[in-house]
Amino acid sequence: MNSDWTFWFALVGAALVRVLTSPFHSLLRAAIQISVSVFIAWLFTDAAVDYLHLNPSVYRAPMGGLLALTADGLVRIVLNWAASPRSFLSLLLRRNKDEGEE
């Protein structure tokens, strides 16, 4: 793919922005955040572009950057829910209750 370097540039750039705007500034934490952001974005970018029926030659790099920016936070949310399934279930029940009231 001829725009492969733009994809990786978007991933690494977004991961660096995520680390620089984070309130946590240890070297280990920064390395972990960058690794998670780049890995999750690499893993899910093509699937997200395909699912949304977007043109990969146009939207692959921006989607990768967006996923890299949000990946660390999303992984943290999923891990918190895995550690405490009750909070996830209460969120689902609350959402279903709110939808039923409309």
Protein backbone atom coordinates (compact mmCIF):
# COMPACT_ATOMS: atom_id res chain seq x y z
CA MET A 1 0.00 0.00 0.00
CA ASN A 2 1.57 3.30 -1.05
CA SER A 3 0.12 5.28 1.88
CA ASP A 4 1.39 2.82 4.48
CA TRP A 5 3.85 5.35 5.90
CA THR A 6 1.00 7.86 6.45
CA PHE A 7 -0.93 5.22 8.38
CA TRP A 8 2.02 4.55 10.71
CA PHE A 9 2.75 8.26 11.02
CA ALA A 10 -0.88 8.86 12.07
CA LEU A 11 -0.75 6.03 14.62
CA VAL A 12 2.51 7.08 16.23
CA GLY A 13 1.62 10.78 16.11
CA ALA A 14 -1.75 10.21 17.76
CA ALA A 15 -0.19 7.93 20.38
CA LEU A 16 2.38 10.62 21.21
CA VAL A 17 -0.36 13.25 21.50
CA ARG A 18 -2.22 10.90 23.83
CA VAL A 19 0.85 10.48 26.04
CA LEU A 20 1.71 14.18 26.05
CA THR A 21 -1.82 15.12 27.11
CA SER A 22 -1.95 12.43 29.79
CA PRO A 23 -1.72 13.47 33.43
CA PHE A 24 0.52 10.46 34.10
CA HIS A 25 4.14 11.03 33.10
CA SER A 26 6.36 8.09 33.94
CA LEU A 27 8.56 6.53 31.29
CA LEU A 28 7.03 3.08 31.81
CA ARG A 29 3.47 4.40 31.62
CA ALA A 30 4.26 6.37 28.46
CA ALA A 31 5.78 3.29 26.82
CA ILE A 32 2.76 1.20 27.73
CA GLN A 33 0.32 3.85 26.46
CA ILE A 34 2.13 4.17 23.14
CA SER A 35 2.34 0.40 22.72
CA VAL A 36 -1.34 -0.15 23.52
CA SER A 37 -2.46 2.75 21.33
CA VAL A 38 -0.46 1.65 18.31
CA PHE A 39 -1.35 -2.03 18.71
CA ILE A 40 -5.10 -1.48 19.11
CA ALA A 41 -5.17 0.98 16.22
CA TRP A 42 -3.21 -1.43 14.01
CA LEU A 43 -5.54 -4.27 14.99
CA PHE A 44 -8.88 -2.52 14.46
CA THR A 45 -8.34 0.15 11.79
CA ASP A 46 -9.05 -1.99 8.74
CA ALA A 47 -12.05 -3.59 10.44
CA ALA A 48 -13.50 -0.18 11.37
CA VAL A 49 -12.96 1.23 7.88
CA ASP A 50 -14.59 -1.85 6.36
CA TYR A 51 -17.50 -1.84 8.83
CA LEU A 52 -18.24 1.81 8.08
CA HIS A 53 -17.90 1.21 4.32
CA LEU A 54 -15.28 3.92 3.98
CA ASN A 55 -12.70 4.23 1.21
CA PRO A 56 -9.50 2.78 2.74
CA SER A 57 -7.19 4.88 0.57
CA VAL A 58 -8.75 8.02 2.07
CA TYR A 59 -9.79 7.02 5.60
CA ARG A 60 -7.28 4.39 6.77
CA ALA A 61 -4.75 6.84 8.26
CA PRO A 62 -7.34 9.15 9.91
CA MET A 63 -9.21 6.16 11.36
CA GLY A 64 -5.93 4.75 12.67
CA GLY A 65 -5.11 8.07 14.30
CA LEU A 66 -8.54 8.30 15.88
CA LEU A 67 -8.28 4.77 17.22
CA ALA A 68 -4.78 5.45 18.55
CA LEU A 69 -6.07 8.51 20.40
CA THR A 70 -8.91 6.60 22.04
CA ALA A 71 -7.44 3.09 22.36
CA ASP A 72 -5.77 3.53 25.74
CA GLY A 73 -8.94 4.88 27.32
CA LEU A 74 -11.12 2.19 25.77
CA VAL A 75 -8.81 -0.59 26.92
CA ARG A 76 -8.79 0.90 30.43
CA ILE A 77 -12.63 0.93 30.48
CA VAL A 78 -12.84 -2.68 29.30
CA LEU A 79 -10.27 -3.81 31.89
CA ASN A 80 -12.16 -2.00 34.65
CA TRP A 81 -15.39 -3.69 33.58
CA ALA A 82 -13.63 -7.06 33.47
CA ALA A 83 -12.35 -6.50 36.99
CA SER A 84 -15.81 -5.46 38.19
CA PRO A 85 -18.54 -7.10 36.09
CA ARG A 86 -21.23 -5.74 38.42
CA SER A 87 -20.52 -2.16 37.38
CA PHE A 88 -20.80 -3.16 33.71
CA LEU A 89 -24.06 -5.01 34.33
CA SER A 90 -25.49 -2.09 36.31
CA LEU A 91 -24.58 0.22 33.43
CA LEU A 92 -26.40 -2.06 30.98
CA LEU A 93 -29.43 -2.36 33.25
CA ARG A 94 -29.54 1.40 33.77
CA ARG A 95 -29.34 1.96 30.02
CA ASN A 96 -32.13 -0.53 29.33
CA LYS A 97 -34.27 1.11 31.98
CA ASP A 98 -33.67 4.57 30.48
CA GLU A 99 -34.58 3.31 27.00
CA GLY A 100 -37.79 1.77 28.34
CA GLU A 101 -38.91 5.11 29.81
CA GLU A 102 -38.86 6.91 26.47
